[in-house]
Protein backbone atom coordinates (compact mmCIF):
# COMPACT_ATOMS: atom_id res chain seq x y z
CA MET A 1 -0.07 -0.07 0.01
CA SER A 2 1.16 3.38 -0.60
CA GLY A 3 -0.11 6.18 1.44
CA ILE A 4 0.67 10.05 2.19
CA ARG A 5 3.35 10.84 4.66
CA ASN A 6 2.45 13.41 7.52
CA GLY A 7 4.18 14.92 10.30
CA GLY A 8 5.37 12.57 13.17
CA GLY A 9 6.37 9.80 10.95
CA ARG A 10 2.68 8.64 10.51
CA GLN A 11 1.47 7.46 6.98
CA LEU A 12 -2.24 7.69 6.28
CA PHE A 13 -3.83 5.32 3.66
CA PRO A 14 -7.17 5.58 1.63
CA GLN A 15 -10.21 5.78 3.77
CA ASP A 16 -13.35 3.43 3.54
CA MET A 17 -11.97 -0.02 3.75
CA ALA A 18 -12.91 -2.90 5.83
CA GLN A 19 -10.66 -4.12 8.58
CA PRO A 20 -7.97 -6.50 7.19
CA VAL A 21 -8.33 -10.09 8.28
CA ILE A 22 -5.12 -11.03 10.43
CA THR A 23 -4.34 -14.66 11.17
CA LYS A 24 -3.40 -15.84 14.71
CA GLN A 25 0.11 -16.75 13.47
CA GLU A 26 0.52 -13.23 11.86
CA ARG A 27 -0.52 -11.66 15.21
CA GLU A 28 1.92 -13.87 17.22
CA SER A 29 4.70 -12.81 14.83
CA PHE A 30 3.77 -8.99 15.38
CA LEU A 31 3.60 -9.31 19.17
CA TYR A 32 7.20 -11.10 18.91
CA MET A 33 8.49 -8.33 16.89
CA LEU A 34 6.91 -5.56 19.09
CA ARG A 35 8.33 -7.09 22.24
CA ASP A 36 11.75 -7.53 20.62
CA SER A 37 11.67 -3.80 19.57
CA GLY A 38 11.06 -2.99 23.27
CA ARG A 39 13.81 -5.14 24.73
CA GLU A 40 16.52 -4.45 21.94
CA ASP A 41 15.61 -0.77 21.65
CA TYR A 42 15.28 -0.71 17.55
CA GLY A 43 12.79 0.95 15.66
CA VAL A 44 9.72 -0.80 13.72
CA THR A 45 7.02 0.39 11.60
CA VAL A 46 3.59 -0.47 12.92
CA SER A 47 0.41 -0.28 10.73
CA TRP A 48 -2.95 -0.18 12.38
CA TRP A 49 -6.73 -0.09 11.21
CA VAL A 50 -8.90 2.88 12.63
CA SER A 51 -12.57 2.53 12.59
CA MET A 52 -14.24 5.64 10.83
CA ASP A 53 -17.70 4.42 10.36
CA GLY A 54 -18.53 1.06 12.08
CA GLU A 55 -16.84 -1.54 9.80
CA ARG A 56 -15.16 0.86 7.55
CA GLY A 57 -12.09 2.93 8.27
CA ASN A 58 -8.53 3.54 7.17
CA THR A 59 -5.11 2.29 8.13
CA HIS A 60 -2.48 4.31 9.82
CA SER A 61 1.37 3.80 9.98
CA MET A 62 4.02 5.02 12.28
CA TRP A 63 7.69 4.45 12.80
CA GLY A 64 9.16 4.08 16.38
CA VAL A 65 10.46 2.15 19.26
CA VAL A 66 8.17 0.20 21.59
CA LYS A 67 8.37 1.56 25.01
CA TRP A 68 5.61 -0.50 26.71
CA VAL A 69 3.40 -3.62 25.86
CA ASP A 70 0.45 -3.42 28.24
CA PRO A 71 -1.11 -6.98 28.22
CA LYS A 72 -4.10 -6.19 30.29
CA ALA A 73 -5.20 -3.19 28.15
CA ARG A 74 -4.01 -5.14 25.03
CA LYS A 75 -2.06 -2.09 23.86
CA VAL A 76 1.54 -1.05 22.77
CA GLN A 77 3.11 2.31 23.28
CA LEU A 78 5.08 3.38 20.18
CA VAL A 79 7.49 6.47 20.41
CA ASN A 80 9.52 8.40 18.01
CA GLU A 81 11.25 11.80 18.26
CA ALA A 82 7.93 13.57 17.27
CA ARG A 83 5.15 11.63 19.14
CA SER A 84 3.84 8.81 21.24
CA GLU A 85 1.05 6.65 20.24
CA TRP A 86 -0.90 3.86 22.14
CA ILE A 87 -2.07 1.32 19.66
CA GLY A 88 -4.46 -1.54 20.26
CA LEU A 89 -3.01 -4.98 19.58
CA GLU A 90 -6.32 -6.11 17.85
CA GLN A 91 -5.97 -3.10 15.47
CA ILE A 92 -2.41 -4.07 14.17
CA VAL A 93 -2.42 -5.11 10.63
CA ASP A 94 1.43 -5.07 9.92
CA VAL A 95 4.70 -4.67 11.66
CA LEU A 96 7.93 -4.16 9.81
CA GLY A 97 11.27 -4.57 11.47
């Protein structure tokens, strides 16, 4: 997917799409990469789906280092020099290391 980059390293994608279906194996792989980013202090690019109108929405993307994984709230905190974002684990659609 190609998107439009805005301030803070966030990339916006076209709106009005259904949430992508992510397999259990993909989610486990994402979680491993997120935890590894936090442990080893290296950057990852995380893409997540945001609901705009019920089942329709768009995908956001941001580069940063994971500072916290909250297993109870099922969220991850991604931080870069411009911003900090809490992202729901169930909304994540891709992680690139």
